[in-house]
Amino acid sequence: MGSVVEINPFTRVEGHGNLKVYLDGSRVERVELCLSESPRLFEALLVGRSFAEVPQIICRICSLCSTVHKVTALLALENAFGTAVSRVTQLTRELILNGGQIQSHSLHLFCLLLPDLLDLQGVTDLARQAPDLLKSGLAIKRVGNLIQETAGGRSSTR
């Protein structure tokens, strides 16, 4: 019988996670990754609200990806009401979402992943030991914020 390497909790992911690697000697037989997220129960915040308030409330569910939540809420409302939007609106939203992806992924890569890759404890160690790398990551994040602000009217981080 082989051995099992377990990482629990599996950190630096959205929500909660654990990882199990099943080994037969030095050969990996199977890997199980379990990610879960606790219910946020934000639906209760929408009871009794006007449909027009939904996007502004929904975008506050998560501070990192508020743009995605807002656009998703708008799409859901448009679908519910059978509303079509112009091609310009579709492209503007796509641009805003891409800005959000740049902002979110640069934050993840430079502040969560990079310290692990450099065998550092976290972003504060990164700031001390590799400040130029951190500054580069934050500059990329600012580009994502700027795209969102320019195309959407405000940054997702305000």
N, C-alpha and C. Protein backbone atom coordinates (compact mmCIF):
# COMPACT_ATOMS: atom_id res chain seq x y z
N MET A 1 0.84 -1.18 0.00
CA MET A 1 0.00 0.00 0.00
C MET A 1 0.88 1.24 0.00
N GLY A 2 0.46 2.26 -0.73
CA GLY A 2 1.22 3.48 -0.85
C GLY A 2 0.99 4.43 0.30
N SER A 3 1.57 5.59 0.17
CA SER A 3 1.41 6.62 1.20
C SER A 3 0.60 7.79 0.65
N VAL A 4 0.16 8.63 1.58
CA VAL A 4 -0.63 9.80 1.20
C VAL A 4 0.03 11.03 1.80
N VAL A 5 0.29 12.00 0.96
CA VAL A 5 0.78 13.30 1.41
C VAL A 5 -0.43 14.23 1.41
N GLU A 6 -0.70 14.82 2.56
CA GLU A 6 -1.88 15.68 2.67
C GLU A 6 -1.48 17.08 3.09
N ILE A 7 -2.04 18.06 2.39
CA ILE A 7 -1.85 19.47 2.75
C ILE A 7 -3.23 19.98 3.13
N ASN A 8 -3.38 20.27 4.42
CA ASN A 8 -4.67 20.72 4.92
C ASN A 8 -4.42 21.65 6.11
N PRO A 9 -4.65 22.92 5.98
CA PRO A 9 -5.34 23.54 4.86
C PRO A 9 -4.39 23.84 3.69
N PHE A 10 -4.96 23.83 2.51
CA PHE A 10 -4.27 24.22 1.29
C PHE A 10 -4.54 25.71 1.15
N THR A 11 -3.54 26.53 1.41
CA THR A 11 -3.75 27.97 1.55
C THR A 11 -3.53 28.73 0.25
N ARG A 12 -3.82 29.99 0.34
CA ARG A 12 -3.65 30.95 -0.75
C ARG A 12 -4.53 30.64 -1.94
N VAL A 13 -5.72 30.16 -1.64
CA VAL A 13 -6.75 29.93 -2.66
C VAL A 13 -8.01 30.63 -2.18
N GLU A 14 -8.92 30.88 -3.08
CA GLU A 14 -10.21 31.45 -2.73
C GLU A 14 -11.00 30.39 -1.97
N GLY A 15 -11.45 30.71 -0.78
CA GLY A 15 -12.20 29.75 0.01
C GLY A 15 -11.28 28.89 0.85
N HIS A 16 -11.67 27.63 1.02
CA HIS A 16 -10.92 26.69 1.85
C HIS A 16 -10.53 25.52 0.98
N GLY A 17 -9.39 24.92 1.28
CA GLY A 17 -8.97 23.80 0.45
C GLY A 17 -8.11 22.80 1.17
N ASN A 18 -8.05 21.62 0.60
CA ASN A 18 -7.09 20.62 1.02
C ASN A 18 -6.66 19.83 -0.20
N LEU A 19 -5.48 19.22 -0.07
CA LEU A 19 -4.88 18.50 -1.18
C LEU A 19 -4.36 17.17 -0.66
N LYS A 20 -4.64 16.10 -1.39
CA LYS A 20 -4.10 14.78 -1.07
C LYS A 20 -3.40 14.23 -2.30
N VAL A 21 -2.16 13.78 -2.10
CA VAL A 21 -1.39 13.16 -3.16
C VAL A 21 -1.15 11.71 -2.75
N TYR A 22 -1.67 10.79 -3.54
CA TYR A 22 -1.53 9.35 -3.26
C TYR A 22 -0.31 8.83 -4.02
N LEU A 23 0.61 8.23 -3.27
CA LEU A 23 1.88 7.77 -3.84
C LEU A 23 1.99 6.25 -3.75
N ASP A 24 2.59 5.70 -4.77
CA ASP A 24 3.02 4.30 -4.75
C ASP A 24 4.53 4.36 -4.92
N GLY A 25 5.22 4.33 -3.80
CA GLY A 25 6.66 4.58 -3.84
C GLY A 25 6.90 6.03 -4.18
N SER A 26 7.60 6.26 -5.27
CA SER A 26 7.83 7.63 -5.72
C SER A 26 6.90 8.03 -6.86
N ARG A 27 6.00 7.12 -7.24
CA ARG A 27 5.07 7.37 -8.34
C ARG A 27 3.74 7.93 -7.81
N VAL A 28 3.30 9.04 -8.40
CA VAL A 28 2.01 9.63 -8.03
C VAL A 28 0.90 8.83 -8.70
N GLU A 29 0.03 8.26 -7.89
CA GLU A 29 -1.10 7.50 -8.42
C GLU A 29 -2.31 8.38 -8.68
N ARG A 30 -2.55 9.30 -7.75
CA ARG A 30 -3.77 10.11 -7.84
C ARG A 30 -3.58 11.37 -7.01
N VAL A 31 -4.22 12.44 -7.45
CA VAL A 31 -4.20 13.70 -6.71
C VAL A 31 -5.65 14.13 -6.52
N GLU A 32 -5.99 14.50 -5.31
CA GLU A 32 -7.33 15.02 -5.02
C GLU A 32 -7.20 16.43 -4.48
N LEU A 33 -7.85 17.36 -5.15
CA LEU A 33 -7.89 18.75 -4.70
C LEU A 33 -9.34 19.07 -4.37
N CYS A 34 -9.57 19.52 -3.18
CA CYS A 34 -10.92 19.87 -2.75
C CYS A 34 -10.93 21.34 -2.35
N LEU A 35 -11.67 22.14 -3.09
CA LEU A 35 -11.82 23.56 -2.76
C LEU A 35 -13.29 23.82 -2.46
N SER A 36 -13.53 24.54 -1.40
CA SER A 36 -14.92 24.90 -1.08
C SER A 36 -14.93 26.33 -0.58
N GLU A 37 -16.06 26.94 -0.71
CA GLU A 37 -16.21 28.29 -0.23
C GLU A 37 -17.46 28.35 0.62
N SER A 38 -17.33 28.96 1.75
CA SER A 38 -18.48 29.07 2.65
C SER A 38 -19.55 29.92 1.98
N PRO A 39 -20.81 29.61 2.25
CA PRO A 39 -21.88 30.45 1.68
C PRO A 39 -21.77 31.87 2.20
N ARG A 40 -21.99 32.80 1.32
CA ARG A 40 -21.91 34.22 1.71
C ARG A 40 -23.27 34.77 2.10
N LEU A 41 -24.32 34.10 1.65
CA LEU A 41 -25.69 34.46 2.02
C LEU A 41 -26.06 35.90 1.67
N PHE A 42 -25.47 36.42 0.61
CA PHE A 42 -25.73 37.80 0.22
C PHE A 42 -27.12 37.98 -0.37
N GLU A 43 -27.76 36.88 -0.74
CA GLU A 43 -29.10 37.00 -1.33
C GLU A 43 -30.06 37.73 -0.41
N ALA A 44 -29.87 37.57 0.91
CA ALA A 44 -30.74 38.24 1.87
C ALA A 44 -30.63 39.76 1.76
N LEU A 45 -29.49 40.25 1.30
CA LEU A 45 -29.32 41.70 1.14
C LEU A 45 -30.19 42.26 0.03
N LEU A 46 -30.65 41.40 -0.87
CA LEU A 46 -31.42 41.85 -2.03
C LEU A 46 -32.92 41.86 -1.79
N VAL A 47 -33.38 41.21 -0.72
CA VAL A 47 -34.82 41.12 -0.44
C VAL A 47 -35.37 42.52 -0.22
N GLY A 48 -36.42 42.84 -0.98
CA GLY A 48 -37.08 44.13 -0.85
C GLY A 48 -36.40 45.27 -1.59
N ARG A 49 -35.33 44.98 -2.29
CA ARG A 49 -34.59 46.02 -3.02
C ARG A 49 -35.11 46.12 -4.45
N SER A 50 -34.91 47.26 -5.03
CA SER A 50 -35.24 47.46 -6.44
C SER A 50 -34.21 46.74 -7.30
N PHE A 51 -34.65 46.24 -8.45
CA PHE A 51 -33.71 45.58 -9.37
C PHE A 51 -32.55 46.50 -9.74
N ALA A 52 -32.79 47.80 -9.75
CA ALA A 52 -31.75 48.76 -10.13
C ALA A 52 -30.62 48.82 -9.09
N GLU A 53 -30.89 48.38 -7.86
CA GLU A 53 -29.87 48.40 -6.82
C GLU A 53 -28.98 47.14 -6.85
N VAL A 54 -29.44 46.10 -7.52
CA VAL A 54 -28.77 44.81 -7.48
C VAL A 54 -27.29 44.89 -7.89
N PRO A 55 -26.94 45.48 -9.02
CA PRO A 55 -25.51 45.49 -9.40
C PRO A 55 -24.61 46.19 -8.38
N GLN A 56 -25.08 47.26 -7.77
CA GLN A 56 -24.27 47.98 -6.79
C GLN A 56 -24.09 47.17 -5.51
N ILE A 57 -25.10 46.40 -5.13
CA ILE A 57 -24.99 45.56 -3.94
C ILE A 57 -24.10 44.35 -4.23
N ILE A 58 -24.35 43.70 -5.35
CA ILE A 58 -23.63 42.48 -5.71
C ILE A 58 -22.13 42.73 -5.88
N CYS A 59 -21.76 43.89 -6.40
CA CYS A 59 -20.33 44.14 -6.64
C CYS A 59 -19.54 44.28 -5.36
N ARG A 60 -20.22 44.35 -4.24
CA ARG A 60 -19.51 44.47 -2.96
C ARG A 60 -19.31 43.13 -2.26
N ILE A 61 -19.70 42.05 -2.91
CA ILE A 61 -19.51 40.71 -2.35
C ILE A 61 -18.03 40.44 -2.15
N CYS A 62 -17.23 40.84 -3.11
CA CYS A 62 -15.80 40.55 -3.07
C CYS A 62 -15.05 41.81 -3.50
N SER A 63 -14.09 42.21 -2.71
CA SER A 63 -13.36 43.44 -3.06
C SER A 63 -12.37 43.22 -4.19
N LEU A 64 -11.92 41.98 -4.40
CA LEU A 64 -10.93 41.72 -5.44
C LEU A 64 -11.56 41.60 -6.82
N CYS A 65 -12.73 41.03 -6.90
CA CYS A 65 -13.33 40.80 -8.23
C CYS A 65 -14.71 41.45 -8.33
N SER A 66 -14.83 42.66 -7.82
CA SER A 66 -16.12 43.35 -7.83
C SER A 66 -16.61 43.61 -9.25
N THR A 67 -15.70 43.83 -10.18
CA THR A 67 -16.09 44.09 -11.56
C THR A 67 -16.84 42.90 -12.16
N VAL A 68 -16.32 41.71 -11.94
CA VAL A 68 -16.97 40.50 -12.47
C VAL A 68 -18.36 40.35 -11.88
N HIS A 69 -18.49 40.58 -10.58
CA HIS A 69 -19.79 40.44 -9.94
C HIS A 69 -20.79 41.47 -10.48
N LYS A 70 -20.33 42.67 -10.72
CA LYS A 70 -21.23 43.72 -11.22
C LYS A 70 -21.69 43.39 -12.63
N VAL A 71 -20.77 43.03 -13.51
CA VAL A 71 -21.13 42.70 -14.88
C VAL A 71 -22.05 41.48 -14.91
N THR A 72 -21.78 40.50 -14.06
CA THR A 72 -22.64 39.32 -14.00
C THR A 72 -24.05 39.69 -13.55
N ALA A 73 -24.15 40.57 -12.57
CA ALA A 73 -25.47 41.02 -12.11
C ALA A 73 -26.21 41.75 -13.23
N LEU A 74 -25.49 42.58 -13.97
CA LEU A 74 -26.11 43.29 -15.10
C LEU A 74 -26.60 42.30 -16.16
N LEU A 75 -25.77 41.30 -16.48
CA LEU A 75 -26.17 40.29 -17.46
C LEU A 75 -27.40 39.51 -16.99
N ALA A 76 -27.45 39.19 -15.71
CA ALA A 76 -28.60 38.46 -15.17
C ALA A 76 -29.87 39.29 -15.27
N LEU A 77 -29.78 40.56 -14.94
CA LEU A 77 -30.95 41.43 -15.04
C LEU A 77 -31.39 41.60 -16.50
N GLU A 78 -30.43 41.78 -17.39
CA GLU A 78 -30.77 41.92 -18.81
C GLU A 78 -31.43 40.65 -19.34
N ASN A 79 -30.93 39.52 -18.90
CA ASN A 79 -31.52 38.25 -19.30
C ASN A 79 -32.94 38.12 -18.75
N ALA A 80 -33.14 38.50 -17.50
CA ALA A 80 -34.46 38.40 -16.87
C ALA A 80 -35.48 39.30 -17.55
N PHE A 81 -35.04 40.46 -17.98
CA PHE A 81 -35.95 41.41 -18.61
C PHE A 81 -35.95 41.32 -20.14
N GLY A 82 -35.15 40.44 -20.70
CA GLY A 82 -35.08 40.31 -22.14
C GLY A 82 -34.50 41.53 -22.83
N THR A 83 -33.55 42.17 -22.18
CA THR A 83 -32.95 43.40 -22.69
C THR A 83 -31.69 43.09 -23.49
N ALA A 84 -31.57 43.67 -24.66
CA ALA A 84 -30.36 43.53 -25.47
C ALA A 84 -29.53 44.79 -25.32
N VAL A 85 -28.21 44.62 -25.28
CA VAL A 85 -27.33 45.78 -25.19
C VAL A 85 -26.55 45.90 -26.50
N SER A 86 -26.02 47.08 -26.72
CA SER A 86 -25.29 47.34 -27.96
C SER A 86 -23.96 46.60 -27.97
N ARG A 87 -23.40 46.48 -29.17
CA ARG A 87 -22.08 45.86 -29.32
C ARG A 87 -21.02 46.67 -28.58
N VAL A 88 -21.17 47.99 -28.57
CA VAL A 88 -20.23 48.85 -27.85
C VAL A 88 -20.27 48.52 -26.35
N THR A 89 -21.47 48.34 -25.81
CA THR A 89 -21.60 47.98 -24.40
C THR A 89 -20.95 46.63 -24.14
N GLN A 90 -21.17 45.66 -25.01
CA GLN A 90 -20.56 44.34 -24.85
C GLN A 90 -19.03 44.44 -24.85
N LEU A 91 -18.49 45.19 -25.80
CA LEU A 91 -17.03 45.32 -25.89
C LEU A 91 -16.45 46.10 -24.71
N THR A 92 -17.18 47.12 -24.26
CA THR A 92 -16.73 47.89 -23.10
C THR A 92 -16.68 47.00 -21.87
N ARG A 93 -17.71 46.19 -21.69
CA ARG A 93 -17.71 45.25 -20.56
C ARG A 93 -16.57 44.25 -20.67
N GLU A 94 -16.31 43.78 -21.87
CA GLU A 94 -15.20 42.84 -22.05
C GLU A 94 -13.87 43.49 -21.67
N LEU A 95 -13.70 44.74 -22.06
CA LEU A 95 -12.49 45.48 -21.71
C LEU A 95 -12.39 45.65 -20.20
N ILE A 96 -13.49 46.01 -19.56
CA ILE A 96 -13.51 46.18 -18.11
C ILE A 96 -13.16 44.86 -17.42
N LEU A 97 -13.76 43.76 -17.90
CA LEU A 97 -13.47 42.45 -17.30
C LEU A 97 -12.01 42.05 -17.49
N ASN A 98 -11.44 42.37 -18.65
CA ASN A 98 -10.02 42.08 -18.86
C ASN A 98 -9.15 42.89 -17.91
N GLY A 99 -9.52 44.14 -17.68
CA GLY A 99 -8.81 44.95 -16.68
C GLY A 99 -8.90 44.32 -15.30
N GLY A 100 -10.07 43.80 -14.97
CA GLY A 100 -10.25 43.12 -13.69
C GLY A 100 -9.40 41.88 -13.57
N GLN A 101 -9.29 41.13 -14.67
CA GLN A 101 -8.45 39.94 -14.67
C GLN A 101 -6.98 40.30 -14.48
N ILE A 102 -6.54 41.35 -15.14
CA ILE A 102 -5.15 41.80 -14.99
C ILE A 102 -4.90 42.20 -13.54
N GLN A 103 -5.80 42.98 -12.98
CA GLN A 103 -5.66 43.45 -11.60
C GLN A 103 -5.65 42.28 -10.63
N SER A 104 -6.61 41.38 -10.74
CA SER A 104 -6.74 40.26 -9.81
C SER A 104 -5.59 39.26 -9.94
N HIS A 105 -5.25 38.92 -11.18
CA HIS A 105 -4.21 37.92 -11.38
C HIS A 105 -2.82 38.44 -11.02
N SER A 106 -2.55 39.71 -11.27
CA SER A 106 -1.25 40.25 -10.88
C SER A 106 -1.13 40.27 -9.36
N LEU A 107 -2.21 40.61 -8.68
CA LEU A 107 -2.19 40.58 -7.23
C LEU A 107 -1.91 39.16 -6.73
N HIS A 108 -2.59 38.19 -7.31
CA HIS A 108 -2.38 36.80 -6.91
C HIS A 108 -0.95 36.34 -7.21
N LEU A 109 -0.50 36.59 -8.43
CA LEU A 109 0.82 36.11 -8.82
C LEU A 109 1.94 36.74 -8.01
N PHE A 110 1.88 38.04 -7.81
CA PHE A 110 3.00 38.72 -7.17
C PHE A 110 2.90 38.74 -5.65
N CYS A 111 1.70 38.73 -5.09
CA CYS A 111 1.57 38.83 -3.64
C CYS A 111 1.32 37.49 -2.96
N LEU A 112 0.78 36.51 -3.66
CA LEU A 112 0.51 35.21 -3.06
C LEU A 112 1.45 34.12 -3.58
N LEU A 113 1.59 34.01 -4.89
CA LEU A 113 2.38 32.92 -5.46
C LEU A 113 3.89 33.19 -5.40
N LEU A 114 4.31 34.36 -5.79
CA LEU A 114 5.74 34.65 -5.87
C LEU A 114 6.48 34.43 -4.53
N PRO A 115 5.91 34.87 -3.41
CA PRO A 115 6.62 34.56 -2.15
C PRO A 115 6.85 33.06 -1.95
N ASP A 116 5.87 32.23 -2.33
CA ASP A 116 6.06 30.78 -2.22
C ASP A 116 7.17 30.31 -3.14
N LEU A 117 7.19 30.80 -4.37
CA LEU A 117 8.21 30.37 -5.33
C LEU A 117 9.62 30.76 -4.87
N LEU A 118 9.72 31.87 -4.16
CA LEU A 118 11.02 32.35 -3.67
C LEU A 118 11.30 31.87 -2.25
N ASP A 119 10.44 30.99 -1.73
CA ASP A 119 10.58 30.43 -0.39
C ASP A 119 10.58 31.52 0.68
N LEU A 120 9.66 32.48 0.52
CA LEU A 120 9.50 33.56 1.49
C LEU A 120 8.20 33.35 2.25
N GLN A 121 8.08 33.98 3.40
CA GLN A 121 6.91 33.80 4.25
C GLN A 121 5.66 34.50 3.69
N GLY A 122 5.85 35.59 2.98
CA GLY A 122 4.71 36.33 2.46
C GLY A 122 5.15 37.60 1.77
N VAL A 123 4.18 38.46 1.53
CA VAL A 123 4.44 39.66 0.74
C VAL A 123 5.36 40.64 1.50
N THR A 124 5.31 40.63 2.82
CA THR A 124 6.21 41.54 3.55
C THR A 124 7.67 41.12 3.38
N ASP A 125 7.91 39.80 3.36
CA ASP A 125 9.28 39.33 3.07
C ASP A 125 9.67 39.67 1.64
N LEU A 126 8.71 39.55 0.73
CA LEU A 126 8.98 39.90 -0.67
C LEU A 126 9.37 41.38 -0.78
N ALA A 127 8.66 42.23 -0.06
CA ALA A 127 8.96 43.67 -0.08
C ALA A 127 10.37 43.95 0.43
N ARG A 128 10.82 43.17 1.40
CA ARG A 128 12.17 43.37 1.95
C ARG A 128 13.25 42.77 1.05
N GLN A 129 12.97 41.57 0.51
CA GLN A 129 14.03 40.84 -0.19
C GLN A 129 14.03 41.00 -1.71
N ALA A 130 12.89 41.34 -2.27
CA ALA A 130 12.81 41.52 -3.73
C ALA A 130 11.85 42.66 -4.05
N PRO A 131 12.16 43.87 -3.56
CA PRO A 131 11.22 44.99 -3.73
C PRO A 131 10.93 45.33 -5.19
N ASP A 132 11.90 45.14 -6.07
CA ASP A 132 11.66 45.46 -7.48
C ASP A 132 10.62 44.53 -8.10
N LEU A 133 10.64 43.25 -7.71
CA LEU A 133 9.63 42.32 -8.21
C LEU A 133 8.25 42.72 -7.72
N LEU A 134 8.13 43.07 -6.45
CA LEU A 134 6.85 43.49 -5.90
C LEU A 134 6.36 44.77 -6.58
N LYS A 135 7.26 45.71 -6.80
CA LYS A 135 6.89 46.95 -7.47
C LYS A 135 6.41 46.68 -8.89
N SER A 136 7.04 45.75 -9.58
CA SER A 136 6.60 45.38 -10.93
C SER A 136 5.18 44.81 -10.90
N GLY A 137 4.93 43.93 -9.94
CA GLY A 137 3.59 43.34 -9.82
C GLY A 137 2.54 44.38 -9.51
N LEU A 138 2.86 45.30 -8.62
CA LEU A 138 1.90 46.35 -8.27
C LEU A 138 1.68 47.31 -9.44
N ALA A 139 2.71 47.51 -10.26
CA ALA A 139 2.55 48.35 -11.46
C ALA A 139 1.61 47.69 -12.45
N ILE A 140 1.73 46.37 -12.62
CA ILE A 140 0.81 45.65 -13.51
C ILE A 140 -0.61 45.73 -12.95
N LYS A 141 -0.75 45.59 -11.65
CA LYS A 141 -2.07 45.70 -11.01
C LYS A 141 -2.67 47.07 -11.29
N ARG A 142 -1.85 48.12 -11.19
CA ARG A 142 -2.35 49.48 -11.47
C ARG A 142 -2.86 49.62 -12.90
N VAL A 143 -2.20 48.93 -13.86
CA VAL A 143 -2.68 48.96 -15.25
C VAL A 143 -4.10 48.37 -15.32
N GLY A 144 -4.31 47.24 -14.64
CA GLY A 144 -5.65 46.65 -14.60
C GLY A 144 -6.66 47.59 -13.99
N ASN A 145 -6.28 48.26 -12.91
CA ASN A 145 -7.17 49.24 -12.28
C ASN A 145 -7.47 50.39 -13.23
N LEU A 146 -6.45 50.86 -13.94
CA LEU A 146 -6.62 51.98 -14.86
C LEU A 146 -7.57 51.61 -16.00
N ILE A 147 -7.43 50.40 -16.52
CA ILE A 147 -8.34 49.95 -17.59
C ILE A 147 -9.77 49.97 -17.07
N GLN A 148 -9.99 49.44 -15.88
CA GLN A 148 -11.33 49.41 -15.31
C GLN A 148 -11.87 50.81 -15.08
N GLU A 149 -11.03 51.67 -14.56
CA GLU A 149 -11.46 53.04 -14.28
C GLU A 149 -11.75 53.82 -15.56
N THR A 150 -10.90 53.65 -16.55
CA THR A 150 -11.07 54.38 -17.81
C THR A 150 -12.32 53.91 -18.56
N ALA A 151 -12.49 52.60 -18.65
CA ALA A 151 -13.63 52.05 -19.40
C ALA A 151 -14.91 52.03 -18.59
N GLY A 152 -14.79 51.86 -17.26
CA GLY A 152 -15.99 51.68 -16.44
C GLY A 152 -16.35 52.82 -15.55
N GLY A 153 -15.49 53.82 -15.45
CA GLY A 153 -15.85 54.98 -14.66
C GLY A 153 -15.24 55.06 -13.29
N ARG A 154 -14.80 53.92 -12.75
CA ARG A 154 -14.12 53.95 -11.46
C ARG A 154 -13.35 52.66 -11.28
N SER A 155 -12.34 52.71 -10.45
CA SER A 155 -11.54 51.52 -10.16
C SER A 155 -12.34 50.61 -9.23
N SER A 156 -12.10 49.31 -9.35
CA SER A 156 -12.78 48.34 -8.49
C SER A 156 -12.23 48.38 -7.08
N THR A 157 -11.14 49.07 -6.85
CA THR A 157 -10.49 49.04 -5.54
C THR A 157 -10.80 50.26 -4.70
N ARG A 158 -11.71 51.09 -5.12
CA ARG A 158 -12.04 52.27 -4.30
C ARG A 158 -13.14 51.96 -3.35
